[in-house]
C-alpha atoms as a PDB file:
ATOM      1  CA  MET A   1      14.951  79.687 -10.322  1.00  0.00           C
ATOM      2  CA  ASP A   2      13.752  76.214 -11.274  1.00  0.00           C
ATOM      3  CA  LEU A   3      10.204  75.659 -12.439  1.00  0.00           C
ATOM      4  CA  LYS A   4       8.636  73.244  -9.958  1.00  0.00           C
ATOM      5  CA  LEU A   5       5.928  71.547 -11.986  1.00  0.00           C
ATOM      6  CA  ARG A   6       3.167  70.060  -9.835  1.00  0.00           C
ATOM      7  CA  LYS A   7       0.669  69.040 -12.520  1.00  0.00           C
ATOM      8  CA  PHE A   8       0.300  69.100 -16.257  1.00  0.00           C
ATOM      9  CA  ALA A   9      -2.936  68.729 -18.237  1.00  0.00           C
ATOM     10  CA  LYS A  10      -3.622  68.486 -21.932  1.00  0.00           C
ATOM     11  CA  PHE A  11      -7.025  68.460 -23.604  1.00  0.00           C
ATOM     12  CA  VAL A  12      -7.502  67.493 -27.245  1.00  0.00           C
ATOM     13  CA  ASP A  13     -10.848  67.953 -28.983  1.00  0.00           C
ATOM     14  CA  LYS A  14     -11.394  66.785 -32.564  1.00  0.00           C
ATOM     15  CA  THR A  15     -14.664  67.671 -34.275  1.00  0.00           C
ATOM     16  CA  PHE A  16     -15.538  65.698 -37.403  1.00  0.00           C
ATOM     17  CA  ILE A  17     -19.129  66.844 -37.962  1.00  0.00           C
ATOM     18  CA  GLU A  18     -20.506  70.201 -36.843  1.00  0.00           C
ATOM     19  CA  GLY A  19     -24.073  71.345 -37.456  1.00  0.00           C
ATOM     20  CA  GLY A  20     -24.724  68.273 -39.592  1.00  0.00           C
ATOM     21  CA  LYS A  21     -21.879  69.150 -41.971  1.00  0.00           C
ATOM     22  CA  LYS A  22     -18.758  67.005 -42.280  1.00  0.00           C
ATOM     23  CA  ALA A  23     -15.516  68.962 -41.984  1.00  0.00           C
ATOM     24  CA  LYS A  24     -12.905  68.680 -44.774  1.00  0.00           C
ATOM     25  CA  GLU A  25     -10.379  68.135 -42.007  1.00  0.00           C
ATOM     26  CA  PRO A  26     -11.211  67.527 -38.353  1.00  0.00           C
ATOM     27  CA  VAL A  27     -11.291  70.768 -36.398  1.00  0.00           C
ATOM     28  CA  LEU A  28      -8.619  70.405 -33.743  1.00  0.00           C
ATOM     29  CA  LEU A  29      -8.690  72.323 -30.476  1.00  0.00           C
ATOM     30  CA  VAL A  30      -5.835  71.749 -28.060  1.00  0.00           C
ATOM     31  CA  SER A  31      -5.316  73.279 -24.652  1.00  0.00           C
ATOM     32  CA  VAL A  32      -2.499  72.773 -22.200  1.00  0.00           C
ATOM     33  CA  ALA A  33      -2.139  73.874 -18.607  1.00  0.00           C
ATOM     34  CA  ALA A  34       0.512  73.608 -15.946  1.00  0.00           C
ATOM     35  CA  VAL A  35       0.242  73.957 -12.199  1.00  0.00           C
ATOM     36  CA  ILE A  36       3.491  75.084 -10.657  1.00  0.00           C
ATOM     37  CA  GLU A  37       4.612  75.527  -7.108  1.00  0.00           C
ATOM     38  CA  ASN A  38       3.905  79.082  -5.994  1.00  0.00           C
ATOM     39  CA  PRO A  39       7.301  80.804  -5.819  1.00  0.00           C
ATOM     40  CA  TRP A  40       5.929  83.342  -3.330  1.00  0.00           C
ATOM     41  CA  ALA A  41       4.321  80.873  -0.905  1.00  0.00           C
ATOM     42  CA  GLY A  42       5.397  81.524   2.658  1.00  0.00           C
ATOM     43  CA  LYS A  43       7.047  84.851   1.838  1.00  0.00           C
ATOM     44  CA  GLY A  44       4.199  87.054   3.024  1.00  0.00           C
ATOM     45  CA  PHE A  45       3.439  90.143   0.975  1.00  0.00           C
ATOM     46  CA  VAL A  46       5.711  90.458  -2.068  1.00  0.00           C
ATOM     47  CA  GLU A  47       5.770  93.956  -3.551  1.00  0.00           C
ATOM     48  CA  ASP A  48       7.244  93.069  -6.949  1.00  0.00           C
ATOM     49  CA  LEU A  49       6.279  89.745  -8.557  1.00  0.00           C
ATOM     50  CA  LYS A  50       7.894  90.610 -11.880  1.00  0.00           C
ATOM     51  CA  PRO A  51      11.405  89.156 -11.329  1.00  0.00           C
ATOM     52  CA  GLU A  52      10.109  85.654 -10.596  1.00  0.00           C
ATOM     53  CA  ILE A  53       7.549  85.836 -13.401  1.00  0.00           C
ATOM     54  CA  LEU A  54      10.199  86.872 -15.917  1.00  0.00           C
ATOM     55  CA  ASP A  55      12.460  84.080 -14.684  1.00  0.00           C
ATOM     56  CA  LEU A  56       9.825  81.320 -14.823  1.00  0.00           C
ATOM     57  CA  ALA A  57       7.855  82.393 -17.917  1.00  0.00           C
ATOM     58  CA  PRO A  58      10.382  81.150 -20.520  1.00  0.00           C
ATOM     59  CA  GLN A  59      10.591  77.738 -18.825  1.00  0.00           C
ATOM     60  CA  LEU A  60       6.820  77.478 -18.669  1.00  0.00           C
ATOM     61  CA  GLY A  61       6.504  78.640 -22.272  1.00  0.00           C
ATOM     62  CA  ASP A  62       8.990  75.997 -23.447  1.00  0.00           C
ATOM     63  CA  LEU A  63       6.993  73.268 -21.715  1.00  0.00           C
ATOM     64  CA  LEU A  64       3.566  74.372 -22.952  1.00  0.00           C
ATOM     65  CA  VAL A  65       4.579  75.170 -26.531  1.00  0.00           C
ATOM     66  CA  THR A  66       6.381  71.824 -26.861  1.00  0.00           C
ATOM     67  CA  GLU A  67       3.237  69.974 -25.807  1.00  0.00           C
ATOM     68  CA  LEU A  68       1.015  72.034 -28.122  1.00  0.00           C
ATOM     69  CA  THR A  69       3.346  71.368 -31.032  1.00  0.00           C
ATOM     70  CA  LYS A  70       3.292  67.604 -30.340  1.00  0.00           C
ATOM     71  CA  GLU A  71      -0.485  67.589 -30.782  1.00  0.00           C
ATOM     72  CA  ILE A  72      -0.904  70.137 -33.574  1.00  0.00           C
ATOM     73  CA  GLY A  73       2.120  69.188 -35.616  1.00  0.00           C
ATOM     74  CA  SER A  74       3.974  72.438 -36.249  1.00  0.00           C
ATOM     75  CA  GLY A  75       4.422  75.975 -35.039  1.00  0.00           C
ATOM     76  CA  ASP A  76       2.969  77.273 -38.306  1.00  0.00           C
ATOM     77  CA  LYS A  77      -0.324  75.494 -37.652  1.00  0.00           C
ATOM     78  CA  ILE A  78      -0.458  76.947 -34.137  1.00  0.00           C
ATOM     79  CA  LEU A  79       0.148  80.462 -35.466  1.00  0.00           C
ATOM     80  CA  ASP A  80      -2.440  80.066 -38.240  1.00  0.00           C
ATOM     81  CA  ALA A  81      -5.061  78.804 -35.798  1.00  0.00           C
ATOM     82  CA  THR A  82      -4.298  81.568 -33.317  1.00  0.00           C
ATOM     83  CA  VAL A  83      -4.549  84.338 -35.898  1.00  0.00           C
ATOM     84  CA  GLU A  84      -7.812  82.944 -37.257  1.00  0.00           C
ATOM     85  CA  LYS A  85      -9.534  82.216 -33.954  1.00  0.00           C
ATOM     86  CA  LEU A  86      -8.398  84.736 -31.374  1.00  0.00           C
ATOM     87  CA  SER A  87      -9.105  88.405 -31.163  1.00  0.00           C
ATOM     88  CA  LEU A  88      -6.799  90.768 -29.290  1.00  0.00           C
ATOM     89  CA  LYS A  89      -9.504  91.273 -26.676  1.00  0.00           C
ATOM     90  CA  ARG A  90      -9.655  87.535 -25.897  1.00  0.00           C
ATOM     91  CA  VAL A  91      -5.878  87.376 -25.552  1.00  0.00           C
ATOM     92  CA  ALA A  92      -5.925  90.362 -23.183  1.00  0.00           C
ATOM     93  CA  SER A  93      -8.638  88.697 -21.086  1.00  0.00           C
ATOM     94  CA  THR A  94      -6.613  85.486 -20.872  1.00  0.00           C
ATOM     95  CA  LEU A  95      -3.511  87.387 -19.789  1.00  0.00           C
ATOM     96  CA  GLU A  96      -5.536  89.245 -17.167  1.00  0.00           C
ATOM     97  CA  ILE A  97      -6.867  85.956 -15.764  1.00  0.00           C
ATOM     98  CA  ALA A  98      -3.331  84.508 -15.737  1.00  0.00           C
ATOM     99  CA  ASN A  99      -2.077  87.589 -13.901  1.00  0.00           C
ATOM    100  CA  VAL A 100      -4.755  87.186 -11.223  1.00  0.00           C
ATOM    101  CA  ALA A 101      -3.847  83.516 -10.831  1.00  0.00           C
ATOM    102  CA  LEU A 102      -0.143  84.306 -10.551  1.00  0.00           C
ATOM    103  CA  SER A 103      -0.704  87.065  -8.009  1.00  0.00           C
ATOM    104  CA  SER A 104      -2.892  84.878  -5.754  1.00  0.00           C
ATOM    105  CA  GLU A 105      -1.142  82.925  -3.011  1.00  0.00           C
ATOM    106  CA  PHE A 106      -1.960  79.231  -3.288  1.00  0.00           C
ATOM    107  CA  THR A 107       0.022  76.664  -1.343  1.00  0.00           C
END
């Protein structure tokens, strides 16, 4: 199944001074998002969403990770930032929100 990309957004935030203190290096926060065509639109109730999700997820991951890497500079920096900033609970919450979005029928 082909990923039908409708929209792509990227947000880059660089903080140079926080709380009156200058950072040694700018603090970089990058987020990316993609809006894809709903693969279940018009199909009515779909019992098992997993096959389409597993098919589209690698394509979506390739797109989003490539864009993150362009802004941040390397996969190592992404991993370092993720380990430092995210807790497992926050990741689980994000995945839960993504699951709700994927299981909702938007046309």
